[in-house]
Amino acid sequence: MNYTDIAPKINAKNLNGADAVMASMGNILGTPKGSVPGHPEFGCGMNKYLFEQIDILTAHMIKEEVQYALARWEPRVKVLDINVNEDLDYNRIDIKIAFEILNEAENPERDYIYSVKV
């Protein structure tokens, strides 16, 4: 029996290096814990704080959730710093993550900004 792939072909670029790491970080942070069948711990639990008033405590809790999720699910990075800022003009929360890609010789330190609409 011959198998024919009938899925549409997508002309997406192949991600590698820093692009692949940042795409993975986006997937981890954008996936609420418990939303993946058979993998209830995958993702980030920050969604439970997104509709709260962003004060120092809420920002700290979001930061802790992001730190834990990336430490657990993305072993290629070392998180150096996380800043959580509320952008009232655009009704969103910006999370700036300074990180290093482990085992990368050139320019290992990078920033990644993850924005969440609230």
N, C-alpha and C. Protein backbone atom coordinates (compact mmCIF):
# COMPACT_ATOMS: atom_id res chain seq x y z
N MET A 1 0.84 -1.18 0.00
CA MET A 1 0.00 0.00 0.00
C MET A 1 0.89 1.24 0.00
N ASN A 2 0.64 2.13 -0.91
CA ASN A 2 1.39 3.37 -0.98
C ASN A 2 0.70 4.43 -0.14
N TYR A 3 1.52 5.22 0.51
CA TYR A 3 1.01 6.31 1.33
C TYR A 3 1.24 7.62 0.59
N THR A 4 0.22 8.41 0.47
CA THR A 4 0.33 9.72 -0.16
C THR A 4 0.00 10.79 0.87
N ASP A 5 0.91 11.71 1.04
CA ASP A 5 0.70 12.81 1.98
C ASP A 5 -0.21 13.83 1.32
N ILE A 6 -1.43 13.96 1.84
CA ILE A 6 -2.37 14.90 1.23
C ILE A 6 -2.46 16.22 1.99
N ALA A 7 -1.63 16.35 3.05
CA ALA A 7 -1.62 17.61 3.79
C ALA A 7 -1.05 18.71 2.90
N PRO A 8 -1.57 19.92 3.02
CA PRO A 8 -1.05 21.00 2.19
C PRO A 8 0.41 21.29 2.51
N LYS A 9 1.15 21.63 1.50
CA LYS A 9 2.56 21.98 1.68
C LYS A 9 2.63 23.43 2.14
N ILE A 10 3.38 23.66 3.19
CA ILE A 10 3.53 25.01 3.73
C ILE A 10 4.96 25.47 3.45
N ASN A 11 5.09 26.62 2.84
CA ASN A 11 6.42 27.16 2.53
C ASN A 11 6.93 27.99 3.70
N ALA A 12 7.17 27.32 4.80
CA ALA A 12 7.71 28.00 5.98
C ALA A 12 9.21 27.77 6.01
N LYS A 13 9.91 28.77 6.47
CA LYS A 13 11.36 28.61 6.54
C LYS A 13 11.70 27.62 7.66
N ASN A 14 12.77 26.92 7.47
CA ASN A 14 13.24 26.01 8.51
C ASN A 14 13.92 26.84 9.58
N LEU A 15 13.48 26.68 10.80
CA LEU A 15 14.05 27.44 11.90
C LEU A 15 15.21 26.68 12.50
N ASN A 16 16.26 27.41 12.82
CA ASN A 16 17.37 26.81 13.54
C ASN A 16 18.02 27.86 14.42
N GLY A 17 18.85 27.44 15.31
CA GLY A 17 19.57 28.36 16.18
C GLY A 17 18.65 29.21 17.02
N ALA A 18 18.94 30.50 17.04
CA ALA A 18 18.19 31.44 17.87
C ALA A 18 16.73 31.53 17.47
N ASP A 19 16.44 31.45 16.18
CA ASP A 19 15.05 31.52 15.73
C ASP A 19 14.23 30.35 16.28
N ALA A 20 14.82 29.17 16.27
CA ALA A 20 14.13 27.98 16.78
C ALA A 20 13.90 28.10 18.29
N VAL A 21 14.90 28.61 19.00
CA VAL A 21 14.77 28.77 20.44
C VAL A 21 13.67 29.78 20.77
N MET A 22 13.64 30.90 20.07
CA MET A 22 12.63 31.91 20.34
C MET A 22 11.23 31.44 19.94
N ALA A 23 11.12 30.66 18.88
CA ALA A 23 9.82 30.09 18.52
C ALA A 23 9.36 29.12 19.60
N SER A 24 10.28 28.34 20.12
CA SER A 24 9.95 27.41 21.20
C SER A 24 9.50 28.16 22.45
N MET A 25 10.19 29.24 22.78
CA MET A 25 9.81 30.04 23.94
C MET A 25 8.40 30.60 23.77
N GLY A 26 8.09 31.07 22.58
CA GLY A 26 6.75 31.57 22.30
C GLY A 26 5.69 30.49 22.46
N ASN A 27 6.00 29.28 22.00
CA ASN A 27 5.06 28.17 22.15
C ASN A 27 4.85 27.82 23.62
N ILE A 28 5.92 27.80 24.38
CA ILE A 28 5.82 27.46 25.80
C ILE A 28 5.00 28.51 26.53
N LEU A 29 5.32 29.78 26.32
CA LEU A 29 4.63 30.86 27.04
C LEU A 29 3.18 31.02 26.58
N GLY A 30 2.90 30.70 25.34
CA GLY A 30 1.55 30.85 24.81
C GLY A 30 0.63 29.67 25.07
N THR A 31 1.15 28.62 25.67
CA THR A 31 0.35 27.43 25.95
C THR A 31 -0.02 27.40 27.43
N PRO A 32 -1.30 27.55 27.76
CA PRO A 32 -1.69 27.46 29.18
C PRO A 32 -1.50 26.03 29.71
N LYS A 33 -1.03 25.94 30.94
CA LYS A 33 -0.89 24.62 31.57
C LYS A 33 -2.24 23.92 31.55
N GLY A 34 -2.20 22.62 31.26
CA GLY A 34 -3.42 21.82 31.25
C GLY A 34 -4.16 21.82 29.93
N SER A 35 -3.67 22.54 28.93
CA SER A 35 -4.39 22.61 27.67
C SER A 35 -3.94 21.58 26.64
N VAL A 36 -2.86 20.87 26.92
CA VAL A 36 -2.37 19.86 25.99
C VAL A 36 -2.77 18.48 26.51
N PRO A 37 -3.67 17.79 25.81
CA PRO A 37 -4.09 16.47 26.27
C PRO A 37 -2.90 15.52 26.40
N GLY A 38 -2.85 14.81 27.52
CA GLY A 38 -1.78 13.87 27.76
C GLY A 38 -0.50 14.49 28.26
N HIS A 39 -0.46 15.81 28.33
CA HIS A 39 0.74 16.52 28.80
C HIS A 39 0.29 17.71 29.65
N PRO A 40 -0.38 17.47 30.78
CA PRO A 40 -1.02 18.55 31.53
C PRO A 40 -0.06 19.57 32.15
N GLU A 41 1.20 19.24 32.29
CA GLU A 41 2.14 20.18 32.89
C GLU A 41 2.83 21.08 31.87
N PHE A 42 2.67 20.77 30.57
CA PHE A 42 3.35 21.57 29.55
C PHE A 42 2.74 22.96 29.48
N GLY A 43 3.59 23.95 29.29
CA GLY A 43 3.13 25.31 29.10
C GLY A 43 3.50 26.21 30.26
N CYS A 44 2.81 27.31 30.34
CA CYS A 44 3.09 28.33 31.34
C CYS A 44 1.79 28.70 32.05
N GLY A 45 1.85 28.85 33.35
CA GLY A 45 0.66 29.15 34.13
C GLY A 45 0.37 30.61 34.34
N MET A 46 0.96 31.48 33.50
CA MET A 46 0.74 32.91 33.71
C MET A 46 -0.66 33.38 33.36
N ASN A 47 -1.40 32.57 32.59
CA ASN A 47 -2.73 32.99 32.15
C ASN A 47 -3.68 33.26 33.31
N LYS A 48 -3.44 32.66 34.47
CA LYS A 48 -4.33 32.90 35.61
C LYS A 48 -4.16 34.29 36.21
N TYR A 49 -3.11 35.01 35.81
CA TYR A 49 -2.87 36.36 36.33
C TYR A 49 -3.17 37.46 35.32
N LEU A 50 -3.48 37.11 34.10
CA LEU A 50 -3.56 38.10 33.04
C LEU A 50 -4.71 39.09 33.18
N PHE A 51 -5.77 38.71 33.84
CA PHE A 51 -6.90 39.63 33.97
C PHE A 51 -6.94 40.27 35.35
N GLU A 52 -5.85 40.14 36.09
CA GLU A 52 -5.70 40.80 37.38
C GLU A 52 -5.08 42.18 37.15
N GLN A 53 -5.27 43.04 38.14
CA GLN A 53 -4.60 44.33 38.08
C GLN A 53 -3.10 44.08 38.19
N ILE A 54 -2.32 44.68 37.30
CA ILE A 54 -0.88 44.44 37.32
C ILE A 54 -0.24 45.37 38.34
N ASP A 55 0.10 44.79 39.47
CA ASP A 55 0.84 45.49 40.50
C ASP A 55 2.15 44.74 40.72
N ILE A 56 2.89 45.11 41.72
CA ILE A 56 4.19 44.46 41.96
C ILE A 56 4.03 42.98 42.22
N LEU A 57 3.04 42.58 42.98
CA LEU A 57 2.83 41.16 43.30
C LEU A 57 2.44 40.36 42.05
N THR A 58 1.49 40.86 41.28
CA THR A 58 1.06 40.16 40.07
C THR A 58 2.22 40.05 39.07
N ALA A 59 2.97 41.13 38.89
CA ALA A 59 4.13 41.09 37.99
C ALA A 59 5.14 40.05 38.46
N HIS A 60 5.34 39.97 39.77
CA HIS A 60 6.27 38.98 40.32
C HIS A 60 5.77 37.56 40.07
N MET A 61 4.47 37.34 40.23
CA MET A 61 3.91 36.00 40.01
C MET A 61 4.03 35.59 38.54
N ILE A 62 3.78 36.53 37.61
CA ILE A 62 3.95 36.25 36.19
C ILE A 62 5.41 35.92 35.90
N LYS A 63 6.31 36.71 36.47
CA LYS A 63 7.74 36.47 36.29
C LYS A 63 8.13 35.08 36.77
N GLU A 64 7.62 34.66 37.92
CA GLU A 64 7.92 33.33 38.46
C GLU A 64 7.39 32.23 37.55
N GLU A 65 6.19 32.41 37.02
CA GLU A 65 5.61 31.41 36.12
C GLU A 65 6.44 31.28 34.84
N VAL A 66 6.87 32.41 34.29
CA VAL A 66 7.68 32.40 33.07
C VAL A 66 9.03 31.74 33.35
N GLN A 67 9.66 32.10 34.47
CA GLN A 67 10.95 31.52 34.84
C GLN A 67 10.85 30.01 34.97
N TYR A 68 9.81 29.55 35.67
CA TYR A 68 9.63 28.11 35.88
C TYR A 68 9.38 27.37 34.56
N ALA A 69 8.50 27.92 33.73
CA ALA A 69 8.16 27.26 32.47
C ALA A 69 9.37 27.14 31.55
N LEU A 70 10.16 28.20 31.45
CA LEU A 70 11.32 28.14 30.57
C LEU A 70 12.40 27.22 31.13
N ALA A 71 12.57 27.22 32.45
CA ALA A 71 13.55 26.31 33.06
C ALA A 71 13.14 24.86 32.86
N ARG A 72 11.85 24.61 32.91
CA ARG A 72 11.34 23.23 32.79
C ARG A 72 11.30 22.73 31.35
N TRP A 73 10.93 23.59 30.40
CA TRP A 73 10.64 23.13 29.05
C TRP A 73 11.62 23.58 27.97
N GLU A 74 12.52 24.49 28.28
CA GLU A 74 13.48 24.93 27.26
C GLU A 74 14.90 24.85 27.81
N PRO A 75 15.52 23.66 27.71
CA PRO A 75 16.85 23.47 28.29
C PRO A 75 17.98 24.15 27.52
N ARG A 76 17.68 24.72 26.36
CA ARG A 76 18.73 25.38 25.57
C ARG A 76 19.03 26.79 26.03
N VAL A 77 18.25 27.32 26.98
CA VAL A 77 18.45 28.71 27.40
C VAL A 77 18.73 28.82 28.89
N LYS A 78 19.44 29.88 29.21
CA LYS A 78 19.63 30.29 30.60
C LYS A 78 19.02 31.68 30.71
N VAL A 79 17.97 31.81 31.51
CA VAL A 79 17.29 33.09 31.66
C VAL A 79 18.11 33.97 32.59
N LEU A 80 18.41 35.19 32.13
CA LEU A 80 19.20 36.13 32.90
C LEU A 80 18.32 37.12 33.66
N ASP A 81 17.23 37.56 33.03
CA ASP A 81 16.36 38.55 33.67
C ASP A 81 15.00 38.52 32.98
N ILE A 82 13.97 38.83 33.76
CA ILE A 82 12.60 38.93 33.23
C ILE A 82 11.98 40.20 33.77
N ASN A 83 11.44 41.02 32.87
CA ASN A 83 10.73 42.23 33.27
C ASN A 83 9.31 42.15 32.75
N VAL A 84 8.35 42.41 33.62
CA VAL A 84 6.93 42.39 33.26
C VAL A 84 6.42 43.83 33.33
N ASN A 85 5.91 44.32 32.21
CA ASN A 85 5.40 45.69 32.14
C ASN A 85 4.01 45.72 31.54
N GLU A 86 3.16 46.53 32.13
CA GLU A 86 1.81 46.71 31.61
C GLU A 86 1.83 47.87 30.63
N ASP A 87 1.28 47.66 29.44
CA ASP A 87 1.17 48.70 28.42
C ASP A 87 -0.31 49.05 28.29
N LEU A 88 -0.74 50.07 29.03
CA LEU A 88 -2.15 50.44 29.06
C LEU A 88 -2.65 50.97 27.72
N ASP A 89 -1.78 51.62 26.95
CA ASP A 89 -2.19 52.17 25.66
C ASP A 89 -2.65 51.09 24.69
N TYR A 90 -2.03 49.93 24.77
CA TYR A 90 -2.36 48.84 23.86
C TYR A 90 -3.06 47.67 24.55
N ASN A 91 -3.40 47.86 25.83
CA ASN A 91 -4.12 46.85 26.59
C ASN A 91 -3.41 45.49 26.53
N ARG A 92 -2.12 45.52 26.89
CA ARG A 92 -1.33 44.29 26.85
C ARG A 92 -0.28 44.30 27.96
N ILE A 93 0.30 43.14 28.15
CA ILE A 93 1.41 42.97 29.07
C ILE A 93 2.61 42.56 28.23
N ASP A 94 3.71 43.28 28.38
CA ASP A 94 4.95 42.93 27.69
C ASP A 94 5.89 42.27 28.69
N ILE A 95 6.40 41.12 28.29
CA ILE A 95 7.34 40.39 29.13
C ILE A 95 8.66 40.35 28.38
N LYS A 96 9.66 41.06 28.90
CA LYS A 96 10.97 41.10 28.26
C LYS A 96 11.87 40.10 28.97
N ILE A 97 12.39 39.16 28.20
CA ILE A 97 13.22 38.09 28.76
C ILE A 97 14.63 38.23 28.19
N ALA A 98 15.59 38.46 29.06
CA ALA A 98 16.99 38.45 28.66
C ALA A 98 17.51 37.04 28.92
N PHE A 99 18.12 36.46 27.90
CA PHE A 99 18.56 35.07 28.05
C PHE A 99 19.82 34.81 27.24
N GLU A 100 20.49 33.73 27.59
CA GLU A 100 21.62 33.24 26.82
C GLU A 100 21.24 31.90 26.23
N ILE A 101 21.69 31.67 25.02
CA ILE A 101 21.54 30.35 24.42
C ILE A 101 22.78 29.56 24.79
N LEU A 102 22.58 28.47 25.48
CA LEU A 102 23.69 27.66 25.91
C LEU A 102 24.37 27.02 24.70
N ASN A 103 25.64 26.84 24.78
CA ASN A 103 26.43 26.21 23.71
C ASN A 103 26.45 27.02 22.43
N GLU A 104 26.24 28.33 22.53
CA GLU A 104 26.36 29.19 21.35
C GLU A 104 27.55 30.11 21.58
N ALA A 105 28.52 30.04 20.70
CA ALA A 105 29.77 30.78 20.90
C ALA A 105 29.62 32.28 20.63
N GLU A 106 28.92 32.63 19.56
CA GLU A 106 28.80 34.05 19.20
C GLU A 106 27.48 34.63 19.67
N ASN A 107 27.55 35.81 20.27
CA ASN A 107 26.38 36.55 20.71
C ASN A 107 25.37 35.68 21.48
N PRO A 108 25.80 35.09 22.60
CA PRO A 108 24.88 34.20 23.31
C PRO A 108 23.75 34.93 24.03
N GLU A 109 23.93 36.22 24.35
CA GLU A 109 22.89 36.94 25.10
C GLU A 109 21.91 37.61 24.15
N ARG A 110 20.61 37.40 24.41
CA ARG A 110 19.56 37.94 23.56
C ARG A 110 18.39 38.42 24.41
N ASP A 111 17.52 39.20 23.78
CA ASP A 111 16.26 39.61 24.42
C ASP A 111 15.11 39.04 23.60
N TYR A 112 14.06 38.70 24.32
CA TYR A 112 12.84 38.20 23.68
C TYR A 112 11.68 38.93 24.33
N ILE A 113 10.82 39.53 23.55
CA ILE A 113 9.65 40.22 24.10
C ILE A 113 8.41 39.44 23.74
N TYR A 114 7.68 39.03 24.74
CA TYR A 114 6.44 38.29 24.56
C TYR A 114 5.31 39.21 25.00
N SER A 115 4.38 39.51 24.12
CA SER A 115 3.26 40.39 24.44
C SER A 115 1.98 39.57 24.55
N VAL A 116 1.20 39.91 25.56
CA VAL A 116 -0.06 39.22 25.81
C VAL A 116 -1.16 40.26 25.85
N LYS A 117 -2.18 40.09 25.00
CA LYS A 117 -3.36 40.96 25.04
C LYS A 117 -4.22 40.58 26.23
N VAL A 118 -4.67 41.57 26.95
CA VAL A 118 -5.56 41.33 28.10
C VAL A 118 -6.88 42.02 27.90
